[in-house]
């Protein structure tokens, strides 16, 4: 089973998400949503190809995958020893522009 590693960018954005959820919905909802997001991410340790290939879906020349988790897109990459969680984007964000500089 591969180790899941989180980038600083993912951790920074997940902290912002936590603060927003607490502010808008309360601590109970924040904890529930965070648990759901991490449960989806942890499924990758069982099946790293559970997400969709960015190359196959969008035709972008990269080895990234993404998976949908509680109104968010989580981007990750796979190596021989680990799954690296790169970034998370709210479903309302233009992740194509922010991640790849491409207008969607």
PDB file of N, CA and C in Angstrom:
ATOM      1  N   UNK A   1       0.838  -1.173   0.000  1.00  0.00           N
ATOM      2  CA  UNK A   1       0.000   0.000   0.000  1.00  0.00           C
ATOM      3  C   UNK A   1       0.893   1.250   0.000  1.00  0.00           C
ATOM      4  N   UNK A   2       0.568   2.197  -0.871  1.00  0.00           N
ATOM      5  CA  UNK A   2       1.380   3.400  -0.998  1.00  0.00           C
ATOM      6  C   UNK A   2       1.016   4.434   0.064  1.00  0.00           C
ATOM      7  N   UNK A   3       2.005   5.211   0.437  1.00  0.00           N
ATOM      8  CA  UNK A   3       1.820   6.292   1.392  1.00  0.00           C
ATOM      9  C   UNK A   3       1.156   7.476   0.703  1.00  0.00           C
ATOM     10  N   UNK A   4       0.256   8.137   1.404  1.00  0.00           N
ATOM     11  CA  UNK A   4      -0.347   9.364   0.899  1.00  0.00           C
ATOM     12  C   UNK A   4       0.396  10.541   1.514  1.00  0.00           C
ATOM     13  N   UNK A   5       0.866  11.438   0.642  1.00  0.00           N
ATOM     14  CA  UNK A   5       1.624  12.610   1.062  1.00  0.00           C
ATOM     15  C   UNK A   5       0.884  13.853   0.569  1.00  0.00           C
ATOM     16  N   UNK A   6       0.824  14.871   1.411  1.00  0.00           N
ATOM     17  CA  UNK A   6       0.113  16.101   1.079  1.00  0.00           C
ATOM     18  C   UNK A   6       1.102  17.236   0.843  1.00  0.00           C
ATOM     19  N   UNK A   7       0.878  17.995  -0.241  1.00  0.00           N
ATOM     20  CA  UNK A   7       1.729  19.153  -0.500  1.00  0.00           C
ATOM     21  C   UNK A   7       1.343  20.295   0.438  1.00  0.00           C
ATOM     22  N   UNK A   8       2.260  21.238   0.583  1.00  0.00           N
ATOM     23  CA  UNK A   8       1.981  22.426   1.395  1.00  0.00           C
ATOM     24  C   UNK A   8       0.784  23.196   0.841  1.00  0.00           C
ATOM     25  N   UNK A   9       0.667  23.253  -0.477  1.00  0.00           N
ATOM     26  CA  UNK A   9      -0.452  23.972  -1.095  1.00  0.00           C
ATOM     27  C   UNK A   9      -1.786  23.329  -0.727  1.00  0.00           C
ATOM     28  N   UNK A  10      -1.852  22.013  -0.771  1.00  0.00           N
ATOM     29  CA  UNK A  10      -3.082  21.330  -0.369  1.00  0.00           C
ATOM     30  C   UNK A  10      -3.394  21.627   1.094  1.00  0.00           C
ATOM     31  N   UNK A  11      -2.402  21.504   1.953  1.00  0.00           N
ATOM     32  CA  UNK A  11      -2.625  21.721   3.388  1.00  0.00           C
ATOM     33  C   UNK A  11      -3.050  23.160   3.680  1.00  0.00           C
ATOM     34  N   UNK A  12      -2.487  24.105   2.948  1.00  0.00           N
ATOM     35  CA  UNK A  12      -2.859  25.515   3.119  1.00  0.00           C
ATOM     36  C   UNK A  12      -4.322  25.712   2.731  1.00  0.00           C
ATOM     37  N   UNK A  13      -4.710  25.151   1.606  1.00  0.00           N
ATOM     38  CA  UNK A  13      -6.075  25.336   1.132  1.00  0.00           C
ATOM     39  C   UNK A  13      -7.097  24.573   1.966  1.00  0.00           C
ATOM     40  N   UNK A  14      -6.706  23.442   2.519  1.00  0.00           N
ATOM     41  CA  UNK A  14      -7.637  22.684   3.354  1.00  0.00           C
ATOM     42  C   UNK A  14      -7.893  23.439   4.664  1.00  0.00           C
ATOM     43  N   UNK A  15      -6.882  24.150   5.152  1.00  0.00           N
ATOM     44  CA  UNK A  15      -7.069  24.980   6.354  1.00  0.00           C
ATOM     45  C   UNK A  15      -8.037  26.126   6.073  1.00  0.00           C
ATOM     46  N   UNK A  16      -7.917  26.731   4.909  1.00  0.00           N
ATOM     47  CA  UNK A  16      -8.845  27.796   4.517  1.00  0.00           C
ATOM     48  C   UNK A  16     -10.260  27.239   4.403  1.00  0.00           C
ATOM     49  N   UNK A  17     -10.382  26.061   3.820  1.00  0.00           N
ATOM     50  CA  UNK A  17     -11.688  25.417   3.694  1.00  0.00           C
ATOM     51  C   UNK A  17     -12.289  25.138   5.069  1.00  0.00           C
ATOM     52  N   UNK A  18     -11.476  24.647   5.984  1.00  0.00           N
ATOM     53  CA  UNK A  18     -11.961  24.381   7.349  1.00  0.00           C
ATOM     54  C   UNK A  18     -12.520  25.652   7.983  1.00  0.00           C
ATOM     55  N   UNK A  19     -11.774  26.744   7.874  1.00  0.00           N
ATOM     56  CA  UNK A  19     -12.209  28.015   8.461  1.00  0.00           C
ATOM     57  C   UNK A  19     -13.517  28.494   7.841  1.00  0.00           C
ATOM     58  N   UNK A  20     -13.631  28.349   6.530  1.00  0.00           N
ATOM     59  CA  UNK A  20     -14.861  28.767   5.849  1.00  0.00           C
ATOM     60  C   UNK A  20     -16.049  27.920   6.295  1.00  0.00           C
ATOM     61  N   UNK A  21     -15.844  26.621   6.400  1.00  0.00           N
ATOM     62  CA  UNK A  21     -16.928  25.739   6.820  1.00  0.00           C
ATOM     63  C   UNK A  21     -17.386  26.032   8.246  1.00  0.00           C
ATOM     64  N   UNK A  22     -16.431  26.264   9.145  1.00  0.00           N
ATOM     65  CA  UNK A  22     -16.789  26.600  10.527  1.00  0.00           C
ATOM     66  C   UNK A  22     -17.570  27.909  10.553  1.00  0.00           C
ATOM     67  N   UNK A  23     -17.094  28.889   9.812  1.00  0.00           N
ATOM     68  CA  UNK A  23     -17.729  30.202   9.779  1.00  0.00           C
ATOM     69  C   UNK A  23     -19.147  30.139   9.212  1.00  0.00           C
ATOM     70  N   UNK A  24     -19.326  29.394   8.136  1.00  0.00           N
ATOM     71  CA  UNK A  24     -20.624  29.355   7.460  1.00  0.00           C
ATOM     72  C   UNK A  24     -21.597  28.329   8.036  1.00  0.00           C
ATOM     73  N   UNK A  25     -21.076  27.194   8.523  1.00  0.00           N
ATOM     74  CA  UNK A  25     -21.962  26.092   8.892  1.00  0.00           C
ATOM     75  C   UNK A  25     -21.757  25.552  10.308  1.00  0.00           C
ATOM     76  N   UNK A  26     -20.668  25.920  10.957  1.00  0.00           N
ATOM     77  CA  UNK A  26     -20.402  25.441  12.306  1.00  0.00           C
ATOM     78  C   UNK A  26     -19.377  24.316  12.337  1.00  0.00           C
ATOM     79  N   UNK A  27     -18.880  24.077  13.533  1.00  0.00           N
ATOM     80  CA  UNK A  27     -17.800  23.104  13.721  1.00  0.00           C
ATOM     81  C   UNK A  27     -18.234  21.676  13.420  1.00  0.00           C
ATOM     82  N   UNK A  28     -19.460  21.340  13.738  1.00  0.00           N
ATOM     83  CA  UNK A  28     -19.944  19.975  13.500  1.00  0.00           C
ATOM     84  C   UNK A  28     -19.939  19.645  11.999  1.00  0.00           C
ATOM     85  N   UNK A  29     -20.431  20.576  11.194  1.00  0.00           N
ATOM     86  CA  UNK A  29     -20.441  20.365   9.749  1.00  0.00           C
ATOM     87  C   UNK A  29     -19.026  20.324   9.197  1.00  0.00           C
ATOM     88  N   UNK A  30     -18.166  21.204   9.703  1.00  0.00           N
ATOM     89  CA  UNK A  30     -16.763  21.226   9.247  1.00  0.00           C
ATOM     90  C   UNK A  30     -16.110  19.877   9.492  1.00  0.00           C
ATOM     91  N   UNK A  31     -16.269  19.334  10.665  1.00  0.00           N
ATOM     92  CA  UNK A  31     -15.656  18.042  10.993  1.00  0.00           C
ATOM     93  C   UNK A  31     -16.209  16.932  10.094  1.00  0.00           C
ATOM     94  N   UNK A  32     -17.510  16.953   9.850  1.00  0.00           N
ATOM     95  CA  UNK A  32     -18.139  15.946   8.993  1.00  0.00           C
ATOM     96  C   UNK A  32     -17.596  16.033   7.566  1.00  0.00           C
ATOM     97  N   UNK A  33     -17.522  17.227   7.021  1.00  0.00           N
ATOM     98  CA  UNK A  33     -17.047  17.407   5.644  1.00  0.00           C
ATOM     99  C   UNK A  33     -15.568  17.052   5.511  1.00  0.00           C
ATOM    100  N   UNK A  34     -14.762  17.425   6.491  1.00  0.00           N
ATOM    101  CA  UNK A  34     -13.329  17.078   6.449  1.00  0.00           C
ATOM    102  C   UNK A  34     -13.151  15.566   6.487  1.00  0.00           C
ATOM    103  N   UNK A  35     -13.924  14.904   7.324  1.00  0.00           N
ATOM    104  CA  UNK A  35     -13.848  13.440   7.397  1.00  0.00           C
ATOM    105  C   UNK A  35     -14.217  12.823   6.052  1.00  0.00           C
ATOM    106  N   UNK A  36     -15.259  13.356   5.406  1.00  0.00           N
ATOM    107  CA  UNK A  36     -15.682  12.830   4.107  1.00  0.00           C
ATOM    108  C   UNK A  36     -14.599  13.047   3.046  1.00  0.00           C
ATOM    109  N   UNK A  37     -13.984  14.219   3.042  1.00  0.00           N
ATOM    110  CA  UNK A  37     -12.915  14.503   2.068  1.00  0.00           C
ATOM    111  C   UNK A  37     -11.744  13.548   2.280  1.00  0.00           C
ATOM    112  N   UNK A  38     -11.299  13.408   3.513  1.00  0.00           N
ATOM    113  CA  UNK A  38     -10.159  12.520   3.782  1.00  0.00           C
ATOM    114  C   UNK A  38     -10.504  11.053   3.549  1.00  0.00           C
ATOM    115  N   UNK A  39     -11.762  10.668   3.745  1.00  0.00           N
ATOM    116  CA  UNK A  39     -12.165   9.293   3.434  1.00  0.00           C
ATOM    117  C   UNK A  39     -12.010   9.005   1.947  1.00  0.00           C
ATOM    118  N   UNK A  40     -12.419   9.964   1.108  1.00  0.00           N
ATOM    119  CA  UNK A  40     -12.264   9.794  -0.343  1.00  0.00           C
ATOM    120  C   UNK A  40     -10.778   9.701  -0.689  1.00  0.00           C
ATOM    121  N   UNK A  41      -9.974  10.585  -0.128  1.00  0.00           N
ATOM    122  CA  UNK A  41      -8.529  10.565  -0.411  1.00  0.00           C
ATOM    123  C   UNK A  41      -7.913   9.241   0.044  1.00  0.00           C
ATOM    124  N   UNK A  42      -8.304   8.768   1.192  1.00  0.00           N
ATOM    125  CA  UNK A  42      -7.746   7.511   1.705  1.00  0.00           C
ATOM    126  C   UNK A  42      -8.117   6.303   0.846  1.00  0.00           C
ATOM    127  N   UNK A  43      -9.212   6.389   0.113  1.00  0.00           N
ATOM    128  CA  UNK A  43      -9.568   5.311  -0.821  1.00  0.00           C
ATOM    129  C   UNK A  43      -8.491   5.125  -1.890  1.00  0.00           C
ATOM    130  N   UNK A  44      -7.749   6.190  -2.176  1.00  0.00           N
ATOM    131  CA  UNK A  44      -6.690   6.097  -3.180  1.00  0.00           C
ATOM    132  C   UNK A  44      -5.595   5.116  -2.770  1.00  0.00           C
ATOM    133  N   UNK A  45      -5.404   4.920  -1.477  1.00  0.00           N
ATOM    134  CA  UNK A  45      -4.387   3.956  -1.044  1.00  0.00           C
ATOM    135  C   UNK A  45      -4.807   2.523  -1.394  1.00  0.00           C
ATOM    136  N   UNK A  46      -6.100   2.307  -1.576  1.00  0.00           N
ATOM    137  CA  UNK A  46      -6.597   0.992  -1.980  1.00  0.00           C
ATOM    138  C   UNK A  46      -6.650   0.842  -3.490  1.00  0.00           C
ATOM    139  N   UNK A  47      -6.938   1.967  -4.183  1.00  0.00           N
ATOM    140  CA  UNK A  47      -7.004   1.956  -5.639  1.00  0.00           C
ATOM    141  C   UNK A  47      -6.567   3.324  -6.142  1.00  0.00           C
ATOM    142  N   UNK A  48      -5.301   3.454  -6.471  1.00  0.00           N
ATOM    143  CA  UNK A  48      -4.742   4.747  -6.858  1.00  0.00           C
ATOM    144  C   UNK A  48      -5.331   5.296  -8.156  1.00  0.00           C
ATOM    145  N   UNK A  49      -5.923   4.438  -8.947  1.00  0.00           N
ATOM    146  CA  UNK A  49      -6.513   4.871 -10.213  1.00  0.00           C
ATOM    147  C   UNK A  49      -8.026   5.092 -10.095  1.00  0.00           C
ATOM    148  N   UNK A  50      -8.486   5.311  -8.894  1.00  0.00           N
ATOM    149  CA  UNK A  50      -9.894   5.588  -8.655  1.00  0.00           C
ATOM    150  C   UNK A  50     -10.310   6.910  -9.303  1.00  0.00           C
ATOM    151  N   UNK A  51      -9.401   7.868  -9.329  1.00  0.00           N
ATOM    152  CA  UNK A  51      -9.681   9.154  -9.951  1.00  0.00           C
ATOM    153  C   UNK A  51      -9.552   9.092 -11.460  1.00  0.00           C
ATOM    154  N   UNK A  52      -9.809  10.228 -12.094  1.00  0.00           N
ATOM    155  CA  UNK A  52      -9.749  10.335 -13.541  1.00  0.00           C
ATOM    156  C   UNK A  52      -8.427  10.941 -13.984  1.00  0.00           C
ATOM    157  N   UNK A  53      -7.921  10.483 -15.100  1.00  0.00           N
ATOM    158  CA  UNK A  53      -6.677  10.991 -15.660  1.00  0.00           C
ATOM    159  C   UNK A  53      -6.924  12.359 -16.307  1.00  0.00           C
ATOM    160  N   UNK A  54      -6.161  13.355 -15.897  1.00  0.00           N
ATOM    161  CA  UNK A  54      -6.254  14.684 -16.502  1.00  0.00           C
ATOM    162  C   UNK A  54      -5.913  14.595 -17.989  1.00  0.00           C
ATOM    163  N   UNK A  55      -4.919  13.781 -18.316  1.00  0.00           N
ATOM    164  CA  UNK A  55      -4.523  13.591 -19.716  1.00  0.00           C
ATOM    165  C   UNK A  55      -5.682  13.031 -20.550  1.00  0.00           C
ATOM    166  N   UNK A  56      -6.336  11.996 -20.041  1.00  0.00           N
ATOM    167  CA  UNK A  56      -7.412  11.357 -20.797  1.00  0.00           C
ATOM    168  C   UNK A  56      -8.653  12.247 -20.908  1.00  0.00           C
ATOM    169  N   UNK A  57      -8.984  12.964 -19.863  1.00  0.00           N
ATOM    170  CA  UNK A  57     -10.214  13.756 -19.851  1.00  0.00           C
ATOM    171  C   UNK A  57     -10.039  15.101 -20.555  1.00  0.00           C
ATOM    172  N   UNK A  58      -8.912  15.774 -20.288  1.00  0.00           N
ATOM    173  CA  UNK A  58      -8.734  17.136 -20.794  1.00  0.00           C
ATOM    174  C   UNK A  58      -7.672  17.256 -21.883  1.00  0.00           C
ATOM    175  N   UNK A  59      -6.931  16.183 -22.145  1.00  0.00           N
ATOM    176  CA  UNK A  59      -5.895  16.224 -23.169  1.00  0.00           C
ATOM    177  C   UNK A  59      -4.675  17.036 -22.783  1.00  0.00           C
ATOM    178  N   UNK A  60      -4.469  17.236 -21.496  1.00  0.00           N
ATOM    179  CA  UNK A  60      -3.312  17.987 -21.003  1.00  0.00           C
ATOM    180  C   UNK A  60      -2.177  17.009 -20.742  1.00  0.00           C
ATOM    181  N   UNK A  61      -0.997  17.331 -21.247  1.00  0.00           N
ATOM    182  CA  UNK A  61       0.148  16.437 -21.126  1.00  0.00           C
ATOM    183  C   UNK A  61       0.732  16.490 -19.717  1.00  0.00           C
ATOM    184  N   UNK A  62       0.135  15.730 -18.803  1.00  0.00           N
ATOM    185  CA  UNK A  62       0.639  15.620 -17.433  1.00  0.00           C
ATOM    186  C   UNK A  62       0.202  14.272 -16.866  1.00  0.00           C
ATOM    187  N   UNK A  63       0.799  13.897 -15.776  1.00  0.00           N
ATOM    188  CA  UNK A  63       0.478  12.613 -15.144  1.00  0.00           C
ATOM    189  C   UNK A  63      -0.349  12.804 -13.879  1.00  0.00           C
ATOM    190  N   UNK A  64      -1.233  13.795 -13.882  1.00  0.00           N
ATOM    191  CA  UNK A  64      -2.089  14.059 -12.729  1.00  0.00           C
ATOM    192  C   UNK A  64      -3.420  13.346 -12.894  1.00  0.00           C
ATOM    193  N   UNK A  65      -4.016  13.095 -11.746  1.00  0.00           N
ATOM    194  CA  UNK A  65      -5.353  12.536 -11.669  1.00  0.00           C
ATOM    195  C   UNK A  65      -6.173  13.448 -10.776  1.00  0.00           C
ATOM    196  N   UNK A  66      -7.487  13.319 -10.885  1.00  0.00           N
ATOM    197  CA  UNK A  66      -8.328  14.062  -9.950  1.00  0.00           C
ATOM    198  C   UNK A  66      -9.513  13.207  -9.548  1.00  0.00           C
ATOM    199  N   UNK A  67     -10.003  13.524  -8.373  1.00  0.00           N
ATOM    200  CA  UNK A  67     -11.140  12.804  -7.819  1.00  0.00           C
ATOM    201  C   UNK A  67     -12.059  13.824  -7.166  1.00  0.00           C
ATOM    202  N   UNK A  68     -13.344  13.577  -7.244  1.00  0.00           N
ATOM    203  CA  UNK A  68     -14.336  14.483  -6.682  1.00  0.00           C
ATOM    204  C   UNK A  68     -14.604  14.081  -5.243  1.00  0.00           C
ATOM    205  N   UNK A  69     -14.547  15.078  -4.341  1.00  0.00           N
ATOM    206  CA  UNK A  69     -14.762  14.803  -2.924  1.00  0.00           C
ATOM    207  C   UNK A  69     -15.533  15.960  -2.289  1.00  0.00           C
ATOM    208  N   UNK A  70     -16.776  15.738  -1.985  1.00  0.00           N
ATOM    209  CA  UNK A  70     -17.604  16.698  -1.245  1.00  0.00           C
ATOM    210  C   UNK A  70     -17.506  18.114  -1.823  1.00  0.00           C
ATOM    211  N   UNK A  71     -17.956  18.300  -3.036  1.00  0.00           N
ATOM    212  CA  UNK A  71     -17.971  19.601  -3.718  1.00  0.00           C
ATOM    213  C   UNK A  71     -16.580  20.143  -4.025  1.00  0.00           C
ATOM    214  N   UNK A  72     -15.587  19.276  -4.057  1.00  0.00           N
ATOM    215  CA  UNK A  72     -14.215  19.691  -4.334  1.00  0.00           C
ATOM    216  C   UNK A  72     -13.550  18.701  -5.280  1.00  0.00           C
ATOM    217  N   UNK A  73     -12.634  19.228  -6.080  1.00  0.00           N
ATOM    218  CA  UNK A  73     -11.793  18.395  -6.926  1.00  0.00           C
ATOM    219  C   UNK A  73     -10.425  18.301  -6.268  1.00  0.00           C
ATOM    220  N   UNK A  74      -9.970  17.084  -6.030  1.00  0.00           N
ATOM    221  CA  UNK A  74      -8.671  16.839  -5.414  1.00  0.00           C
ATOM    222  C   UNK A  74      -7.749  16.294  -6.498  1.00  0.00           C
ATOM    223  N   UNK A  75      -6.633  16.998  -6.738  1.00  0.00           N
ATOM    224  CA  UNK A  75      -5.657  16.579  -7.741  1.00  0.00           C
ATOM    225  C   UNK A  75      -4.511  15.851  -7.060  1.00  0.00           C
ATOM    226  N   UNK A  76      -4.036  14.788  -7.709  1.00  0.00           N
ATOM    227  CA  UNK A  76      -2.949  13.998  -7.140  1.00  0.00           C
ATOM    228  C   UNK A  76      -2.104  13.390  -8.248  1.00  0.00           C
ATOM    229  N   UNK A  77      -0.921  12.946  -7.847  1.00  0.00           N
ATOM    230  CA  UNK A  77      -0.029  12.223  -8.757  1.00  0.00           C
ATOM    231  C   UNK A  77       0.381  10.928  -8.085  1.00  0.00           C
ATOM    232  N   UNK A  78       0.860  10.007  -8.910  1.00  0.00           N
ATOM    233  CA  UNK A  78       1.216   8.671  -8.430  1.00  0.00           C
ATOM    234  C   UNK A  78       2.679   8.402  -8.775  1.00  0.00           C
ATOM    235  N   UNK A  79       3.423   7.915  -7.781  1.00  0.00           N
ATOM    236  CA  UNK A  79       4.785   7.450  -8.049  1.00  0.00           C
ATOM    237  C   UNK A  79       4.877   6.002  -7.580  1.00  0.00           C
ATOM    238  N   UNK A  80       6.058   5.432  -7.675  1.00  0.00           N
ATOM    239  CA  UNK A  80       6.230   4.030  -7.262  1.00  0.00           C
ATOM    240  C   UNK A  80       5.982   3.823  -5.778  1.00  0.00           C
ATOM    241  N   UNK A  81       6.252   4.845  -4.969  1.00  0.00           N
ATOM    242  CA  UNK A  81       6.171   4.686  -3.519  1.00  0.00           C
ATOM    243  C   UNK A  81       5.059   5.475  -2.847  1.00  0.00           C
ATOM    244  N   UNK A  82       4.480   6.467  -3.562  1.00  0.00           N
ATOM    245  CA  UNK A  82       3.498   7.300  -2.878  1.00  0.00           C
ATOM    246  C   UNK A  82       2.442   7.874  -3.819  1.00  0.00           C
ATOM    247  N   UNK A  83       1.399   8.349  -3.188  1.00  0.00           N
ATOM    248  CA  UNK A  83       0.370   9.142  -3.848  1.00  0.00           C
ATOM    249  C   UNK A  83       0.510  10.537  -3.264  1.00  0.00           C
ATOM    250  N   UNK A  84       0.792  11.503  -4.130  1.00  0.00           N
ATOM    251  CA  UNK A  84       1.001  12.874  -3.668  1.00  0.00           C
ATOM    252  C   UNK A  84      -0.252  13.688  -3.975  1.00  0.00           C
ATOM    253  N   UNK A  85      -0.906  14.167  -2.917  1.00  0.00           N
ATOM    254  CA  UNK A  85      -2.091  15.004  -3.065  1.00  0.00           C
ATOM    255  C   UNK A  85      -1.596  16.427  -3.294  1.00  0.00           C
ATOM    256  N   UNK A  86      -1.860  16.939  -4.492  1.00  0.00           N
ATOM    257  CA  UNK A  86      -1.272  18.192  -4.950  1.00  0.00           C
ATOM    258  C   UNK A  86      -2.080  19.417  -4.569  1.00  0.00           C
ATOM    259  N   UNK A  87      -3.390  19.358  -4.786  1.00  0.00           N
ATOM    260  CA  UNK A  87      -4.195  20.548  -4.610  1.00  0.00           C
ATOM    261  C   UNK A  87      -5.668  20.171  -4.471  1.00  0.00           C
ATOM    262  N   UNK A  88      -6.445  21.114  -3.990  1.00  0.00           N
ATOM    263  CA  UNK A  88      -7.889  20.933  -3.872  1.00  0.00           C
ATOM    264  C   UNK A  88      -8.547  22.216  -4.357  1.00  0.00           C
ATOM    265  N   UNK A  89      -9.628  22.061  -5.135  1.00  0.00           N
ATOM    266  CA  UNK A  89     -10.360  23.195  -5.675  1.00  0.00           C
ATOM    267  C   UNK A  89     -11.843  23.004  -5.429  1.00  0.00           C
ATOM    268  N   UNK A  90     -12.483  24.039  -4.940  1.00  0.00           N
ATOM    269  CA  UNK A  90     -13.930  24.040  -4.817  1.00  0.00           C
ATOM    270  C   UNK A  90     -14.527  23.863  -6.210  1.00  0.00           C
ATOM    271  N   UNK A  91     -15.648  23.190  -6.305  1.00  0.00           N
ATOM    272  CA  UNK A  91     -16.248  22.926  -7.608  1.00  0.00           C
ATOM    273  C   UNK A  91     -16.619  24.204  -8.357  1.00  0.00           C
ATOM    274  N   UNK A  92     -16.715  25.336  -7.649  1.00  0.00           N
ATOM    275  CA  UNK A  92     -17.037  26.611  -8.296  1.00  0.00           C
ATOM    276  C   UNK A  92     -15.796  27.315  -8.844  1.00  0.00           C
ATOM    277  N   UNK A  93     -14.617  26.834  -8.483  1.00  0.00           N
ATOM    278  CA  UNK A  93     -13.375  27.447  -8.960  1.00  0.00           C
ATOM    279  C   UNK A  93     -13.046  26.989 -10.378  1.00  0.00           C
ATOM    280  N   UNK A  94     -12.345  27.836 -11.088  1.00  0.00           N
ATOM    281  CA  UNK A  94     -11.866  27.483 -12.425  1.00  0.00           C
ATOM    282  C   UNK A  94     -10.504  26.793 -12.267  1.00  0.00           C
ATOM    283  N   UNK A  95     -10.543  25.506 -11.936  1.00  0.00           N
ATOM    284  CA  UNK A  95      -9.290  24.785 -11.676  1.00  0.00           C
ATOM    285  C   UNK A  95      -8.439  24.656 -12.932  1.00  0.00           C
ATOM    286  N   UNK A  96      -9.046  24.672 -14.098  1.00  0.00           N
ATOM    287  CA  UNK A  96      -8.254  24.584 -15.333  1.00  0.00           C
ATOM    288  C   UNK A  96      -7.344  25.793 -15.472  1.00  0.00           C
ATOM    289  N   UNK A  97      -7.861  26.972 -15.146  1.00  0.00           N
ATOM    290  CA  UNK A  97      -7.048  28.181 -15.222  1.00  0.00           C
ATOM    291  C   UNK A  97      -6.013  28.201 -14.094  1.00  0.00           C
ATOM    292  N   UNK A  98      -6.431  27.876 -12.890  1.00  0.00           N
ATOM    293  CA  UNK A  98      -5.542  27.951 -11.729  1.00  0.00           C
ATOM    294  C   UNK A  98      -4.459  26.872 -11.759  1.00  0.00           C
ATOM    295  N   UNK A  99      -4.786  25.715 -12.249  1.00  0.00           N
ATOM    296  CA  UNK A  99      -3.831  24.611 -12.220  1.00  0.00           C
ATOM    297  C   UNK A  99      -2.981  24.562 -13.489  1.00  0.00           C
ATOM    298  N   UNK A 100      -3.593  24.878 -14.647  1.00  0.00           N
ATOM    299  CA  UNK A 100      -2.899  24.685 -15.912  1.00  0.00           C
ATOM    300  C   UNK A 100      -2.799  25.937 -16.789  1.00  0.00           C
ATOM    301  N   UNK A 101      -3.420  27.035 -16.344  1.00  0.00           N
ATOM    302  CA  UNK A 101      -3.378  28.268 -17.134  1.00  0.00           C
ATOM    303  C   UNK A 101      -4.221  28.200 -18.393  1.00  0.00           C
ATOM    304  N   UNK A 102      -5.235  27.351 -18.386  1.00  0.00           N
ATOM    305  CA  UNK A 102      -6.098  27.165 -19.547  1.00  0.00           C
ATOM    306  C   UNK A 102      -7.495  27.670 -19.213  1.00  0.00           C
ATOM    307  N   UNK A 103      -8.049  28.510 -20.076  1.00  0.00           N
ATOM    308  CA  UNK A 103      -9.417  28.984 -19.860  1.00  0.00           C
ATOM    309  C   UNK A 103     -10.391  27.866 -20.193  1.00  0.00           C
ATOM    310  N   UNK A 104     -11.312  27.645 -19.259  1.00  0.00           N
ATOM    311  CA  UNK A 104     -12.293  26.571 -19.496  1.00  0.00           C
ATOM    312  C   UNK A 104     -13.537  27.102 -20.156  1.00  0.00           C
TER     313      UNK A 104
END
